Amino acid sequence: MGQKVHPYGFRLGFNKPWRSRWFASHGYAKLLQEDLELKANLRDRLKSAGVSSIEVDRPGNKLRVTIRTSRPGIIIGRKGAEIEKLKQDMAKKTKREVFIDIQEVHKPELDAQLVSESIALQLEKRVAFRRAMRKAVDSALRFGCKGIKVRVSGRLNGAEIARSEWYLQGQLPLHTLRADIDYGFAEARTTYGVIGIKAWLYKGEILDLTKRRGLLPEPEPRRETRDRRGRDDRGGRDDRRPREHRFDRPGQGHPTTSAPPPEATGPAIQPPPADLPRPAARPVAPILPPLMSPQQPSWKQESKQEPKPEPAAGLEEKPPEGGEK
C-alpha cells in the first residue's frame, strides 16, 4: 500500500499558509465542522465559477471568507447582486457578520485544482481521457510550468476493471521542501462510476525567505542549561569533592615523570611524519666494466715467492765452507 504525504500538508508553515486561520480555546470541534460545511456548500454552489481555494478567517465573532476563482464575474453577478445574496445566506446560517473577499486567478492553467476540475468536466462530457490529460499537460508547460503530473483512476473508457494512468512532463521534486508544488484533486461522476483525477504542478523553488514572512512562528527561546544541584539543595550537606586521580595527588607523581601533563587547548593534531629515506636515483648511463683489474689483497701478495736470479756464465758456485769438495 502506498503511504503518500499530502504535498500541501508536507510544506505547511514552511512555504504554504494555513487555509483556516483562527484559534479557539473551547468549542473547537463545532467551529471546525462549521468551516467544513461552509466550504462544501460554497464549492457546490460555485461549481461553475472555477473555485481554486477557500480560506477562512475568524477575527473575533466575525467571519471573513477569501475565495480564489478564475471567473470572478459569476460570483459577483450584475452590480454585485450575487455576492450580496451569498453574504446574506452565509450570515443567516452562521449567525455571524460575514465578509467575502474575491481574488482572481490570472493563469488557471497553472492551478492544480483548476486543472483537475477541467479534466473532470471533460470526462463527464465523454471526452477521451488521454486527450484531456495531454491537453492539460501541454497547456501547463506552455504557460511556464517546470513540471506537471496528471493521474486518473477508475473505470477508464467504461472498462470493467478499474485502472490508473498518468502522464509526467518535466521535473517534479516531491521530497524537496523548498519546491513550490501545487496539488489538486477532483472527481468526475460518469455513467460508469466515479473517476478520480489528481494533478501536481511544480512552479520552481522558493529560495527567498522574505516570501515566507508570516508563515513561520516566532522562534522558541533557548533553554538555559541548569547546573546539577548539589546535596545542599536537597536538604543535605555538600561536602563532596571531585574525584582525584592517584597521579594528581601531591607527592605522587607519574611513574615516568613528575611534571603535570600539558593541558589540551584544542583538538588533538597528529604531527606530520618524519622524512622517510628516499631510494637512490637510478643512473641514466649504463654501468661499464672497470678498465683495470682489481688489486689483490696484501696477504696474497706476501705469499707469492719472488724468482731466484740465475748465476752468471763462468762463475762456479762455491761450496759452503766446511763442506765436502
Protein backbone atom coordinates (compact mmCIF):
# COMPACT_ATOMS: atom_id res chain seq x y z
CA MET A 1 0.00 0.00 0.00
CA GLY A 2 1.33 3.40 -0.91
CA GLN A 3 1.72 5.80 2.02
CA LYS A 4 1.89 9.20 0.40
CA VAL A 5 2.23 12.53 2.16
CA HIS A 6 -0.02 15.36 1.01
CA PRO A 7 2.18 17.89 -0.85
CA TYR A 8 0.38 20.82 0.76
CA GLY A 9 0.42 19.49 4.32
CA PHE A 10 4.08 18.47 3.94
CA ARG A 11 5.05 22.14 3.37
CA LEU A 12 2.54 23.69 5.75
CA GLY A 13 4.20 26.52 7.66
CA PHE A 14 7.34 26.30 5.53
CA ASN A 15 6.21 27.87 2.27
CA LYS A 16 2.45 27.19 2.40
CA PRO A 17 -0.03 29.08 4.64
CA TRP A 18 -2.92 27.63 6.58
CA ARG A 19 -6.27 27.72 4.77
CA SER A 20 -8.18 28.26 8.02
CA ARG A 21 -6.63 30.86 10.32
CA TRP A 22 -8.30 31.07 13.71
CA PHE A 23 -7.84 29.90 17.28
CA ALA A 24 -10.43 28.57 19.71
CA SER A 25 -9.80 27.77 23.36
CA HIS A 26 -13.17 25.98 23.58
CA GLY A 27 -15.72 24.84 21.03
CA TYR A 28 -13.05 23.86 18.52
CA ALA A 29 -14.97 20.88 17.07
CA LYS A 30 -18.05 23.00 16.43
CA LEU A 31 -16.07 25.68 14.59
CA LEU A 32 -14.20 23.08 12.57
CA GLN A 33 -17.44 21.43 11.47
CA GLU A 34 -18.80 24.85 10.54
CA ASP A 35 -15.74 25.51 8.36
CA LEU A 36 -16.06 22.18 6.55
CA GLU A 37 -19.77 22.62 5.86
CA LEU A 38 -19.21 26.19 4.70
CA LYS A 39 -16.51 25.17 2.21
CA ALA A 40 -18.55 22.23 0.90
CA ASN A 41 -21.65 24.40 0.34
CA LEU A 42 -19.62 27.10 -1.41
CA ARG A 43 -17.99 24.58 -3.75
CA ASP A 44 -21.37 23.09 -4.70
CA ARG A 45 -22.93 26.49 -5.17
CA LEU A 46 -20.00 27.95 -7.15
CA LYS A 47 -19.17 24.86 -9.17
CA SER A 48 -19.27 26.71 -12.49
CA ALA A 49 -17.17 29.63 -11.22
CA GLY A 50 -13.86 27.74 -11.18
CA VAL A 51 -13.09 28.00 -7.46
CA SER A 52 -9.47 27.18 -6.67
CA SER A 53 -9.41 27.51 -2.87
CA ILE A 54 -11.48 28.88 0.01
CA GLU A 55 -9.77 30.38 3.06
CA VAL A 56 -11.49 31.20 6.33
CA ASP A 57 -10.51 33.79 8.95
CA ARG A 58 -12.33 34.41 12.22
CA PRO A 59 -11.40 37.82 13.67
CA GLY A 60 -13.44 38.00 16.86
CA ASN A 61 -17.05 36.99 16.27
CA LYS A 62 -16.82 37.87 12.57
CA LEU A 63 -16.25 35.60 9.58
CA ARG A 64 -14.03 36.51 6.65
CA VAL A 65 -14.05 34.20 3.60
CA THR A 66 -11.47 34.54 0.81
CA ILE A 67 -12.40 32.87 -2.47
CA ARG A 68 -9.82 32.40 -5.22
CA THR A 69 -11.54 31.90 -8.55
CA SER A 70 -10.79 32.11 -12.27
CA ARG A 71 -14.25 33.58 -13.04
CA PRO A 72 -14.96 36.33 -10.51
CA GLY A 73 -17.80 37.76 -12.61
CA ILE A 74 -20.00 34.73 -11.96
CA ILE A 75 -19.66 35.11 -8.18
CA ILE A 76 -20.10 38.89 -8.12
CA GLY A 77 -23.01 38.97 -10.55
CA ARG A 78 -24.55 42.04 -12.12
CA LYS A 79 -23.92 45.09 -9.92
CA GLY A 80 -22.85 42.80 -7.08
CA ALA A 81 -26.25 41.19 -6.64
CA GLU A 82 -24.99 37.62 -6.42
CA ILE A 83 -22.31 38.32 -3.84
CA GLU A 84 -24.76 40.24 -1.62
CA LYS A 85 -27.19 37.34 -1.74
CA LEU A 86 -24.39 34.90 -0.91
CA LYS A 87 -23.29 37.05 2.01
CA GLN A 88 -26.81 37.21 3.46
CA ASP A 89 -27.26 33.44 3.20
CA MET A 90 -23.96 32.78 4.97
CA ALA A 91 -24.73 35.28 7.73
CA LYS A 92 -28.14 33.71 8.30
CA LYS A 93 -26.67 30.22 8.52
CA THR A 94 -23.65 31.00 10.71
CA LYS A 95 -25.26 33.86 12.72
CA ARG A 96 -22.13 35.95 12.30
CA GLU A 97 -21.11 39.05 10.42
CA VAL A 98 -19.70 37.80 7.11
CA PHE A 99 -17.15 39.46 4.80
CA ILE A 100 -16.34 37.94 1.41
CA ASP A 101 -13.12 38.71 -0.49
CA ILE A 102 -12.71 37.52 -4.07
CA GLN A 103 -9.27 37.04 -5.65
CA GLU A 104 -8.89 36.33 -9.33
CA VAL A 105 -6.63 33.54 -10.62
CA HIS A 106 -4.99 35.04 -13.70
CA LYS A 107 -3.49 31.78 -15.02
CA PRO A 108 -5.89 28.89 -14.37
CA GLU A 109 -3.61 26.59 -16.40
CA LEU A 110 -1.05 26.84 -13.56
CA ASP A 111 -3.52 25.99 -10.77
CA ALA A 112 -3.59 22.29 -9.91
CA GLN A 113 -7.15 22.33 -8.56
CA LEU A 114 -8.49 24.07 -11.66
CA VAL A 115 -6.53 21.69 -13.94
CA SER A 116 -8.03 18.63 -12.25
CA GLU A 117 -11.54 20.12 -12.35
CA SER A 118 -11.24 20.91 -16.05
CA ILE A 119 -10.20 17.31 -16.79
CA ALA A 120 -13.12 16.05 -14.70
CA LEU A 121 -15.53 18.27 -16.62
CA GLN A 122 -14.23 16.91 -19.92
CA LEU A 123 -14.55 13.31 -18.76
CA GLU A 124 -18.17 13.93 -17.80
CA LYS A 125 -18.71 15.15 -21.35
CA ARG A 126 -17.37 11.82 -22.69
CA VAL A 127 -14.04 13.20 -23.93
CA ALA A 128 -11.24 10.63 -24.23
CA PHE A 129 -9.22 10.70 -21.03
CA ARG A 130 -5.84 10.57 -22.82
CA ARG A 131 -6.74 13.57 -24.94
CA ALA A 132 -7.87 15.56 -21.89
CA MET A 133 -4.70 14.69 -19.98
CA ARG A 134 -2.37 15.62 -22.85
CA LYS A 135 -4.19 18.90 -23.37
CA ALA A 136 -3.79 19.84 -19.70
CA VAL A 137 -0.11 18.90 -19.66
CA ASP A 138 0.70 20.82 -22.84
CA SER A 139 -1.13 23.97 -21.76
CA ALA A 140 0.61 23.99 -18.33
CA LEU A 141 4.06 23.63 -19.89
CA ARG A 142 3.25 26.34 -22.40
CA PHE A 143 2.43 28.80 -19.62
CA GLY A 144 5.80 28.31 -17.92
CA CYS A 145 5.28 25.36 -15.61
CA LYS A 146 8.52 23.47 -14.84
CA GLY A 147 6.82 20.12 -14.37
CA ILE A 148 3.36 18.58 -14.22
CA LYS A 149 1.94 15.17 -13.40
CA VAL A 150 -1.68 14.14 -14.02
CA ARG A 151 -3.16 10.85 -12.82
CA VAL A 152 -6.64 9.43 -13.49
CA SER A 153 -8.04 6.34 -11.77
CA GLY A 154 -11.27 4.46 -12.25
CA ARG A 155 -13.24 2.70 -14.99
CA LEU A 156 -11.47 4.43 -17.86
CA ASN A 157 -13.38 4.23 -21.14
CA GLY A 158 -16.02 2.14 -19.35
CA ALA A 159 -13.70 -0.82 -18.72
CA GLU A 160 -14.94 -3.40 -16.23
CA ILE A 161 -11.61 -3.46 -14.40
CA ALA A 162 -10.55 -0.11 -12.93
CA ARG A 163 -7.00 1.04 -13.57
CA SER A 164 -4.79 4.10 -13.26
CA GLU A 165 -2.92 6.01 -15.94
CA TRP A 166 -0.72 9.06 -15.59
CA TYR A 167 1.38 11.49 -17.59
CA LEU A 168 4.50 13.25 -16.33
CA GLN A 169 6.32 16.05 -18.12
CA GLY A 170 9.28 17.99 -16.72
CA GLN A 171 10.59 17.59 -13.19
CA LEU A 172 8.57 17.06 -10.01
CA PRO A 173 10.68 17.03 -6.78
CA LEU A 174 8.08 15.93 -4.23
CA HIS A 175 10.65 15.46 -1.43
CA THR A 176 12.16 18.95 -1.72
CA LEU A 177 10.65 21.27 0.87
CA ARG A 178 11.63 24.49 -0.89
CA ALA A 179 9.91 23.35 -4.09
CA ASP A 180 6.65 25.18 -4.83
CA ILE A 181 4.33 22.29 -5.67
CA ASP A 182 0.60 22.76 -6.11
CA TYR A 183 -1.75 19.80 -5.68
CA GLY A 184 -5.35 19.38 -6.76
CA PHE A 185 -7.96 16.63 -6.67
CA ALA A 186 -11.33 16.33 -8.40
CA GLU A 187 -13.89 13.63 -9.17
CA ALA A 188 -15.71 13.02 -12.45
CA ARG A 189 -19.09 11.35 -11.91
CA THR A 190 -19.64 9.44 -15.15
CA THR A 191 -22.30 6.89 -16.07
CA TYR A 192 -19.83 4.07 -15.43
CA GLY A 193 -18.78 5.31 -11.99
CA VAL A 194 -16.57 7.86 -10.29
CA ILE A 195 -13.18 8.68 -11.82
CA GLY A 196 -10.65 10.44 -9.63
CA ILE A 197 -8.21 12.99 -11.05
CA LYS A 198 -5.05 14.17 -9.28
CA ALA A 199 -2.72 16.90 -10.53
CA TRP A 200 0.71 18.01 -9.31
CA LEU A 201 2.33 21.20 -10.64
CA TYR A 202 5.94 22.26 -9.99
CA LYS A 203 6.40 26.02 -10.33
CA GLY A 204 10.03 26.35 -9.19
CA GLU A 205 11.88 26.77 -5.90
CA ILE A 206 11.19 29.37 -3.22
CA LEU A 207 14.68 30.46 -2.12
CA ASP A 208 13.84 33.95 -0.80
CA LEU A 209 12.91 33.69 2.88
CA THR A 210 11.09 37.05 2.74
CA LYS A 211 8.32 35.36 0.77
CA ARG A 212 7.71 33.11 3.76
CA ARG A 213 7.30 36.01 6.15
CA GLY A 214 4.31 35.45 8.38
CA LEU A 215 4.26 31.69 7.78
CA LEU A 216 6.79 30.72 10.42
CA PRO A 217 6.08 31.12 14.16
CA GLU A 218 8.38 33.04 16.44
CA PRO A 219 11.49 31.04 17.34
CA GLU A 220 11.40 29.50 20.77
CA PRO A 221 13.93 30.89 23.28
CA ARG A 222 16.84 28.66 24.04
CA ARG A 223 16.65 26.80 27.32
CA GLU A 224 19.43 27.68 29.71
CA THR A 225 21.44 24.68 30.83
CA ARG A 226 20.78 24.16 34.53
CA ASP A 227 23.66 23.26 36.79
CA ARG A 228 23.32 19.97 38.56
CA ARG A 229 22.06 20.56 42.07
CA GLY A 230 24.26 19.59 44.96
CA ARG A 231 23.18 17.79 48.06
CA ASP A 232 22.72 21.11 49.86
CA ASP A 233 19.80 21.96 47.53
CA ARG A 234 18.06 18.76 48.58
CA GLY A 235 18.45 19.46 52.28
CA GLY A 236 21.72 17.59 52.81
CA ARG A 237 25.31 18.69 53.10
CA ASP A 238 27.50 19.14 50.08
CA ASP A 239 30.98 18.17 51.26
CA ARG A 240 31.83 16.00 48.30
CA ARG A 241 35.00 16.75 46.40
CA PRO A 242 35.72 15.85 42.81
CA ARG A 243 37.40 12.51 42.37
CA GLU A 244 41.16 12.82 42.12
CA HIS A 245 43.40 10.59 40.13
CA ARG A 246 46.18 8.85 42.04
CA PHE A 247 48.75 10.57 39.85
CA ASP A 248 47.25 14.00 40.57
CA ARG A 249 47.68 13.74 44.35
CA PRO A 250 50.55 15.75 45.83
CA GLY A 251 53.68 13.73 46.39
CA GLN A 252 52.70 11.01 43.97
CA GLY A 253 53.97 11.78 40.54
CA HIS A 254 53.52 9.93 37.35
CA PRO A 255 55.56 6.71 37.16
CA THR A 256 57.56 8.07 34.28
CA THR A 257 57.70 11.80 35.00
CA SER A 258 56.57 14.09 37.81
CA ALA A 259 55.70 17.01 35.51
CA PRO A 260 51.96 17.59 35.10
CA PRO A 261 50.55 16.66 31.71
CA PRO A 262 50.08 19.57 29.34
CA GLU A 263 46.54 20.91 29.15
CA ALA A 264 44.72 20.27 25.92
CA THR A 265 43.76 23.61 24.38
CA GLY A 266 42.14 22.22 21.27
CA PRO A 267 41.56 19.12 19.24
CA ALA A 268 44.40 16.66 19.06
CA ILE A 269 46.51 17.18 15.96
CA GLN A 270 48.71 14.39 14.68
CA PRO A 271 52.21 15.64 13.83
CA PRO A 272 53.37 15.07 10.29
CA PRO A 273 55.61 12.02 9.79
CA ALA A 274 59.37 12.47 9.52
CA ASP A 275 61.02 12.41 6.14
CA LEU A 276 61.46 8.86 5.02
CA PRO A 277 64.72 7.83 3.30
CA ARG A 278 64.31 8.01 -0.40
CA PRO A 279 65.77 5.35 -2.69
CA ALA A 280 68.89 6.31 -4.61
CA ALA A 281 68.30 7.59 -8.08
CA ARG A 282 68.94 5.06 -10.75
CA PRO A 283 71.83 6.03 -13.09
CA VAL A 284 70.76 7.03 -16.52
CA ALA A 285 74.00 5.94 -18.30
CA PRO A 286 74.81 2.21 -18.49
CA ILE A 287 77.32 0.80 -16.00
CA LEU A 288 80.66 -0.01 -17.75
CA PRO A 289 83.17 -2.65 -16.51
CA PRO A 290 86.36 -1.33 -14.83
CA LEU A 291 89.42 -0.79 -17.08
CA MET A 292 91.97 -2.16 -14.55
CA SER A 293 91.83 -5.45 -12.80
CA PRO A 294 91.21 -5.16 -9.12
CA GLN A 295 94.18 -5.29 -6.81
CA GLN A 296 94.81 -8.47 -4.92
CA PRO A 297 94.78 -8.35 -1.17
CA SER A 298 98.02 -7.91 0.75
CA TRP A 299 98.05 -11.40 2.18
CA LYS A 300 98.01 -12.86 -1.32
CA GLN A 301 100.88 -10.61 -2.42
CA GLU A 302 103.11 -11.69 0.51
CA SER A 303 102.61 -15.40 -0.08
CA LYS A 304 103.82 -15.10 -3.67
CA GLN A 305 107.63 -16.06 -3.85
CA GLU A 306 109.92 -13.94 -5.93
CA PRO A 307 112.05 -15.91 -8.60
CA LYS A 308 115.77 -16.52 -7.78
CA PRO A 309 118.36 -14.83 -10.10
CA GLU A 310 120.39 -17.24 -12.31
CA PRO A 311 124.27 -17.30 -11.84
CA ALA A 312 126.46 -15.63 -14.46
CA ALA A 313 128.41 -17.74 -17.03
CA GLY A 314 131.99 -18.80 -15.97
CA LEU A 315 131.33 -18.45 -12.40
CA GLU A 316 131.08 -21.62 -10.43
CA GLU A 317 129.17 -21.79 -7.35
CA LYS A 318 131.40 -22.10 -4.36
CA PRO A 319 130.51 -24.82 -1.97
CA PRO A 320 129.85 -23.79 1.53
CA GLU A 321 132.69 -23.76 3.92
CA GLY A 322 133.19 -26.91 5.84
CA GLY A 323 131.53 -28.92 3.19
CA GLU A 324 132.80 -31.73 1.03
CA LYS A 325 134.81 -30.95 -2.11
